[in-house]
Amino acid sequence: MSTLEKELGGNQLLQSNADKELERERRKEAKKDLNFYDPKTIEYETINKCLYIESKEISEMTPQQVSEFRRGYGDIKVRGVNCPKPIVNWYQCGLPSPVLDLIEKKSFDKPFPIQS
């Protein structure tokens, strides 16, 4: 290999490294040009925060019936404010039909105390 060929090969290597460095700098500049948005200016869809809706049977339970059920179903203790009333059967949960079918197939007749 002649000296000229070595110099040309070295120059190509330098050019290649310089091109890579320029490309890296271009990417850095592109990152600096990101658009920032103020979330206060964007209108979002409202979120339904009411994830639990009592069935008619549950909502008609009196406080006496609720306490009798909890006492008779394993002496369930409940603490807190506005605790939901217990469910007596799986159909009061609002679960989709495929899930209810699977529960029936697995022979879970009624919810466990912790689930009610």
N, C-alpha and C. Protein backbone atom coordinates (compact mmCIF):
# COMPACT_ATOMS: atom_id res chain seq x y z
N MET A 1 0.85 -1.17 0.00
CA MET A 1 0.00 0.00 0.00
C MET A 1 0.91 1.24 0.00
N SER A 2 0.62 2.17 -0.91
CA SER A 2 1.47 3.35 -1.02
C SER A 2 1.09 4.38 0.04
N THR A 3 1.91 5.35 0.20
CA THR A 3 1.70 6.43 1.16
C THR A 3 0.46 7.22 0.79
N LEU A 4 0.23 7.39 -0.49
CA LEU A 4 -0.95 8.13 -0.97
C LEU A 4 -2.22 7.40 -0.60
N GLU A 5 -2.21 6.08 -0.77
CA GLU A 5 -3.39 5.28 -0.43
C GLU A 5 -3.67 5.35 1.07
N LYS A 6 -2.59 5.32 1.85
CA LYS A 6 -2.75 5.42 3.31
C LYS A 6 -3.35 6.77 3.70
N GLU A 7 -2.86 7.81 3.05
CA GLU A 7 -3.38 9.15 3.34
C GLU A 7 -4.85 9.27 2.96
N LEU A 8 -5.20 8.72 1.79
CA LEU A 8 -6.60 8.76 1.35
C LEU A 8 -7.49 7.98 2.30
N GLY A 9 -7.03 6.80 2.72
CA GLY A 9 -7.79 5.99 3.66
C GLY A 9 -7.96 6.70 4.99
N GLY A 10 -6.92 7.37 5.45
CA GLY A 10 -6.98 8.13 6.70
C GLY A 10 -7.92 9.31 6.58
N ASN A 11 -7.88 9.98 5.40
CA ASN A 11 -8.78 11.11 5.18
C ASN A 11 -10.24 10.66 5.16
N GLN A 12 -10.48 9.52 4.55
CA GLN A 12 -11.85 8.99 4.52
C GLN A 12 -12.33 8.67 5.93
N LEU A 13 -11.43 8.13 6.74
CA LEU A 13 -11.77 7.81 8.13
C LEU A 13 -12.07 9.09 8.90
N LEU A 14 -11.26 10.10 8.71
CA LEU A 14 -11.50 11.39 9.37
C LEU A 14 -12.83 11.98 8.91
N GLN A 15 -13.09 11.90 7.61
CA GLN A 15 -14.35 12.42 7.06
C GLN A 15 -15.54 11.67 7.65
N SER A 16 -15.41 10.35 7.77
CA SER A 16 -16.47 9.53 8.33
C SER A 16 -16.74 9.91 9.79
N ASN A 17 -15.67 10.10 10.56
CA ASN A 17 -15.82 10.51 11.96
C ASN A 17 -16.45 11.89 12.06
N ALA A 18 -16.04 12.80 11.17
CA ALA A 18 -16.60 14.15 11.17
C ALA A 18 -18.09 14.11 10.83
N ASP A 19 -18.47 13.27 9.87
CA ASP A 19 -19.88 13.13 9.50
C ASP A 19 -20.70 12.61 10.68
N LYS A 20 -20.15 11.65 11.38
CA LYS A 20 -20.85 11.09 12.55
C LYS A 20 -21.03 12.15 13.63
N GLU A 21 -19.99 12.95 13.84
CA GLU A 21 -20.06 14.01 14.84
C GLU A 21 -21.10 15.07 14.45
N LEU A 22 -21.13 15.43 13.17
CA LEU A 22 -22.14 16.39 12.70
C LEU A 22 -23.55 15.84 12.88
N GLU A 23 -23.73 14.57 12.59
CA GLU A 23 -25.04 13.95 12.76
C GLU A 23 -25.46 13.97 14.22
N ARG A 24 -24.52 13.69 15.12
CA ARG A 24 -24.80 13.73 16.55
C ARG A 24 -25.24 15.14 16.98
N GLU A 25 -24.55 16.14 16.48
CA GLU A 25 -24.90 17.53 16.80
C GLU A 25 -26.28 17.90 16.27
N ARG A 26 -26.62 17.42 15.07
CA ARG A 26 -27.95 17.69 14.50
C ARG A 26 -29.05 17.09 15.37
N ARG A 27 -28.81 15.88 15.87
CA ARG A 27 -29.80 15.23 16.74
C ARG A 27 -29.99 16.00 18.04
N LYS A 28 -28.88 16.52 18.58
CA LYS A 28 -28.98 17.32 19.81
C LYS A 28 -29.82 18.56 19.56
N GLU A 29 -29.61 19.21 18.46
CA GLU A 29 -30.37 20.41 18.11
C GLU A 29 -31.85 20.08 17.94
N ALA A 30 -32.12 18.95 17.31
CA ALA A 30 -33.51 18.55 17.09
C ALA A 30 -34.20 18.31 18.43
N LYS A 31 -33.49 17.75 19.40
CA LYS A 31 -34.06 17.51 20.72
C LYS A 31 -34.38 18.83 21.42
N LYS A 32 -33.56 19.84 21.18
CA LYS A 32 -33.79 21.15 21.81
C LYS A 32 -35.04 21.82 21.27
N ASP A 33 -35.47 21.43 20.07
CA ASP A 33 -36.61 22.07 19.43
C ASP A 33 -37.94 21.40 19.78
N LEU A 34 -38.01 20.68 20.89
CA LEU A 34 -39.26 20.03 21.28
C LEU A 34 -40.31 21.08 21.62
N ASN A 35 -41.54 20.79 21.25
CA ASN A 35 -42.64 21.68 21.57
C ASN A 35 -43.19 21.33 22.95
N PHE A 36 -43.34 22.31 23.78
CA PHE A 36 -43.89 22.09 25.10
C PHE A 36 -45.31 22.63 25.13
N TYR A 37 -46.18 21.89 25.83
CA TYR A 37 -47.59 22.26 25.89
C TYR A 37 -47.98 22.57 27.32
N ASP A 38 -48.83 23.53 27.47
CA ASP A 38 -49.37 23.87 28.78
C ASP A 38 -50.62 23.03 29.00
N PRO A 39 -50.63 22.12 29.99
CA PRO A 39 -51.79 21.24 30.17
C PRO A 39 -53.07 22.00 30.49
N LYS A 40 -52.94 23.23 30.96
CA LYS A 40 -54.14 24.02 31.27
C LYS A 40 -54.86 24.47 30.01
N THR A 41 -54.18 24.45 28.88
CA THR A 41 -54.79 24.90 27.63
C THR A 41 -55.44 23.75 26.86
N ILE A 42 -55.23 22.52 27.32
CA ILE A 42 -55.77 21.36 26.62
C ILE A 42 -57.07 20.94 27.28
N GLU A 43 -58.09 20.68 26.47
CA GLU A 43 -59.37 20.21 27.01
C GLU A 43 -59.38 18.69 26.98
N TYR A 44 -59.49 18.09 28.17
CA TYR A 44 -59.52 16.65 28.31
C TYR A 44 -60.95 16.17 28.50
N GLU A 45 -61.20 14.91 28.14
CA GLU A 45 -62.51 14.32 28.41
C GLU A 45 -62.66 14.13 29.90
N THR A 46 -63.88 14.30 30.39
CA THR A 46 -64.11 14.11 31.82
C THR A 46 -63.99 12.63 32.17
N ILE A 47 -63.52 12.37 33.36
CA ILE A 47 -63.32 11.00 33.83
C ILE A 47 -64.45 10.64 34.78
N ASN A 48 -65.03 9.46 34.55
CA ASN A 48 -66.08 8.97 35.43
C ASN A 48 -65.43 8.40 36.67
N LYS A 49 -65.57 9.09 37.79
CA LYS A 49 -64.94 8.64 39.02
C LYS A 49 -65.84 7.73 39.83
N CYS A 50 -67.07 7.61 39.43
CA CYS A 50 -68.01 6.75 40.15
C CYS A 50 -67.93 5.35 39.53
N LEU A 51 -67.04 4.54 40.07
CA LEU A 51 -66.81 3.22 39.49
C LEU A 51 -67.75 2.17 40.05
N TYR A 52 -68.39 2.45 41.16
CA TYR A 52 -69.29 1.48 41.78
C TYR A 52 -70.70 2.05 41.81
N ILE A 53 -71.62 1.32 41.23
CA ILE A 53 -73.02 1.71 41.24
C ILE A 53 -73.80 0.57 41.89
N GLU A 54 -74.50 0.89 42.97
CA GLU A 54 -75.26 -0.14 43.68
C GLU A 54 -76.42 -0.63 42.83
N SER A 55 -76.66 -1.94 42.91
CA SER A 55 -77.85 -2.47 42.24
C SER A 55 -79.07 -2.07 43.06
N LYS A 56 -80.23 -2.24 42.48
CA LYS A 56 -81.48 -1.83 43.15
C LYS A 56 -81.65 -2.59 44.46
N GLU A 57 -81.36 -3.89 44.45
CA GLU A 57 -81.50 -4.70 45.67
C GLU A 57 -80.61 -4.19 46.79
N ILE A 58 -79.38 -3.83 46.45
CA ILE A 58 -78.44 -3.36 47.47
C ILE A 58 -78.86 -1.99 48.01
N SER A 59 -79.26 -1.10 47.12
CA SER A 59 -79.63 0.25 47.56
C SER A 59 -80.87 0.25 48.44
N GLU A 60 -81.72 -0.77 48.30
CA GLU A 60 -82.94 -0.86 49.12
C GLU A 60 -82.69 -1.51 50.48
N MET A 61 -81.47 -2.01 50.72
CA MET A 61 -81.17 -2.62 52.02
C MET A 61 -81.14 -1.55 53.11
N THR A 62 -81.79 -1.83 54.22
CA THR A 62 -81.78 -0.90 55.35
C THR A 62 -80.49 -1.11 56.14
N PRO A 63 -80.11 -0.13 56.94
CA PRO A 63 -78.92 -0.31 57.78
C PRO A 63 -79.02 -1.54 58.70
N GLN A 64 -80.24 -1.84 59.15
CA GLN A 64 -80.46 -3.02 59.98
C GLN A 64 -80.16 -4.30 59.18
N GLN A 65 -80.65 -4.37 57.96
CA GLN A 65 -80.40 -5.54 57.12
C GLN A 65 -78.90 -5.70 56.83
N VAL A 66 -78.23 -4.57 56.60
CA VAL A 66 -76.79 -4.60 56.33
C VAL A 66 -76.04 -5.15 57.53
N SER A 67 -76.34 -4.65 58.73
CA SER A 67 -75.62 -5.13 59.91
C SER A 67 -75.95 -6.59 60.21
N GLU A 68 -77.20 -7.03 59.97
CA GLU A 68 -77.56 -8.44 60.17
C GLU A 68 -76.80 -9.33 59.18
N PHE A 69 -76.71 -8.89 57.94
CA PHE A 69 -75.99 -9.67 56.95
C PHE A 69 -74.52 -9.81 57.34
N ARG A 70 -73.90 -8.69 57.72
CA ARG A 70 -72.49 -8.73 58.09
C ARG A 70 -72.24 -9.61 59.31
N ARG A 71 -73.15 -9.55 60.28
CA ARG A 71 -73.02 -10.37 61.48
C ARG A 71 -73.19 -11.85 61.14
N GLY A 72 -74.15 -12.17 60.31
CA GLY A 72 -74.45 -13.56 59.97
C GLY A 72 -73.52 -14.16 58.93
N TYR A 73 -72.76 -13.34 58.28
CA TYR A 73 -71.91 -13.83 57.20
C TYR A 73 -70.43 -13.75 57.57
N GLY A 74 -70.12 -14.15 58.78
CA GLY A 74 -68.73 -14.19 59.21
C GLY A 74 -68.32 -13.02 60.07
N ASP A 75 -69.29 -12.32 60.63
CA ASP A 75 -69.02 -11.18 61.50
C ASP A 75 -68.05 -10.20 60.82
N ILE A 76 -68.45 -9.73 59.64
CA ILE A 76 -67.63 -8.82 58.83
C ILE A 76 -67.51 -7.47 59.53
N LYS A 77 -66.27 -7.03 59.72
CA LYS A 77 -66.00 -5.72 60.32
C LYS A 77 -65.69 -4.72 59.22
N VAL A 78 -66.31 -3.56 59.31
CA VAL A 78 -66.11 -2.52 58.30
C VAL A 78 -65.79 -1.22 59.00
N ARG A 79 -64.76 -0.52 58.50
CA ARG A 79 -64.40 0.79 59.05
C ARG A 79 -64.33 1.78 57.90
N GLY A 80 -64.56 3.03 58.21
CA GLY A 80 -64.45 4.07 57.20
C GLY A 80 -65.72 4.88 57.08
N VAL A 81 -65.71 5.77 56.12
CA VAL A 81 -66.83 6.66 55.88
C VAL A 81 -67.49 6.27 54.57
N ASN A 82 -68.81 6.22 54.55
CA ASN A 82 -69.59 5.88 53.35
C ASN A 82 -69.16 4.54 52.74
N CYS A 83 -68.98 3.54 53.57
CA CYS A 83 -68.61 2.21 53.07
C CYS A 83 -69.77 1.62 52.28
N PRO A 84 -69.49 0.95 51.18
CA PRO A 84 -70.57 0.36 50.39
C PRO A 84 -71.24 -0.79 51.13
N LYS A 85 -72.49 -1.00 50.80
CA LYS A 85 -73.23 -2.11 51.38
C LYS A 85 -72.72 -3.42 50.78
N PRO A 86 -72.86 -4.52 51.51
CA PRO A 86 -72.33 -5.79 50.99
C PRO A 86 -73.18 -6.34 49.85
N ILE A 87 -72.56 -7.12 49.00
CA ILE A 87 -73.29 -7.81 47.94
C ILE A 87 -73.65 -9.20 48.44
N VAL A 88 -74.83 -9.64 48.08
CA VAL A 88 -75.32 -10.94 48.54
C VAL A 88 -75.00 -12.01 47.51
N ASN A 89 -75.05 -11.66 46.23
CA ASN A 89 -74.72 -12.63 45.18
C ASN A 89 -73.88 -11.95 44.09
N TRP A 90 -73.34 -12.77 43.21
CA TRP A 90 -72.44 -12.27 42.18
C TRP A 90 -73.11 -11.34 41.18
N TYR A 91 -74.40 -11.49 40.99
CA TYR A 91 -75.10 -10.71 39.97
C TYR A 91 -75.25 -9.24 40.38
N GLN A 92 -75.02 -8.95 41.63
CA GLN A 92 -75.12 -7.57 42.11
C GLN A 92 -73.81 -6.79 41.89
N CYS A 93 -72.80 -7.46 41.39
CA CYS A 93 -71.48 -6.82 41.20
C CYS A 93 -71.40 -6.00 39.93
N GLY A 94 -72.21 -6.30 38.95
CA GLY A 94 -72.11 -5.62 37.66
C GLY A 94 -71.01 -6.20 36.78
N LEU A 95 -70.67 -7.45 37.03
CA LEU A 95 -69.64 -8.11 36.23
C LEU A 95 -70.20 -8.51 34.87
N PRO A 96 -69.36 -8.56 33.85
CA PRO A 96 -69.82 -8.98 32.53
C PRO A 96 -70.24 -10.45 32.53
N SER A 97 -71.11 -10.82 31.61
CA SER A 97 -71.65 -12.18 31.53
C SER A 97 -70.57 -13.27 31.44
N PRO A 98 -69.52 -13.10 30.63
CA PRO A 98 -68.50 -14.15 30.58
C PRO A 98 -67.85 -14.41 31.95
N VAL A 99 -67.66 -13.37 32.72
CA VAL A 99 -67.06 -13.53 34.05
C VAL A 99 -68.04 -14.25 34.98
N LEU A 100 -69.30 -13.85 34.92
CA LEU A 100 -70.31 -14.52 35.74
C LEU A 100 -70.45 -15.99 35.36
N ASP A 101 -70.37 -16.29 34.07
CA ASP A 101 -70.44 -17.69 33.62
C ASP A 101 -69.26 -18.50 34.17
N LEU A 102 -68.09 -17.90 34.18
CA LEU A 102 -66.91 -18.58 34.70
C LEU A 102 -67.04 -18.81 36.21
N ILE A 103 -67.56 -17.84 36.92
CA ILE A 103 -67.78 -17.99 38.37
C ILE A 103 -68.75 -19.13 38.64
N GLU A 104 -69.82 -19.20 37.86
CA GLU A 104 -70.79 -20.31 38.00
C GLU A 104 -70.13 -21.64 37.69
N LYS A 105 -69.32 -21.67 36.62
CA LYS A 105 -68.65 -22.91 36.21
C LYS A 105 -67.71 -23.42 37.30
N LYS A 106 -67.08 -22.49 38.00
CA LYS A 106 -66.15 -22.87 39.08
C LYS A 106 -66.89 -23.14 40.40
N SER A 107 -68.21 -23.09 40.39
CA SER A 107 -69.08 -23.40 41.54
C SER A 107 -68.88 -22.47 42.74
N PHE A 108 -68.65 -21.19 42.47
CA PHE A 108 -68.63 -20.20 43.54
C PHE A 108 -70.06 -19.67 43.68
N ASP A 109 -70.78 -20.21 44.65
CA ASP A 109 -72.20 -19.88 44.80
C ASP A 109 -72.42 -18.43 45.24
N LYS A 110 -71.63 -17.98 46.16
CA LYS A 110 -71.79 -16.61 46.66
C LYS A 110 -70.42 -16.04 46.98
N PRO A 111 -70.31 -14.74 47.07
CA PRO A 111 -69.01 -14.11 47.35
C PRO A 111 -68.50 -14.49 48.74
N PHE A 112 -67.19 -14.55 48.84
CA PHE A 112 -66.58 -14.76 50.16
C PHE A 112 -66.79 -13.51 50.99
N PRO A 113 -66.70 -13.59 52.31
CA PRO A 113 -66.92 -12.42 53.15
C PRO A 113 -66.06 -11.21 52.74
N ILE A 114 -64.83 -11.44 52.37
CA ILE A 114 -63.98 -10.31 51.99
C ILE A 114 -64.41 -9.69 50.67
N GLN A 115 -65.13 -10.43 49.84
CA GLN A 115 -65.60 -9.94 48.54
C GLN A 115 -66.96 -9.27 48.67
N SER A 116 -67.68 -9.55 49.73
CA SER A 116 -69.01 -8.96 49.84
C SER A 116 -68.91 -7.68 50.59
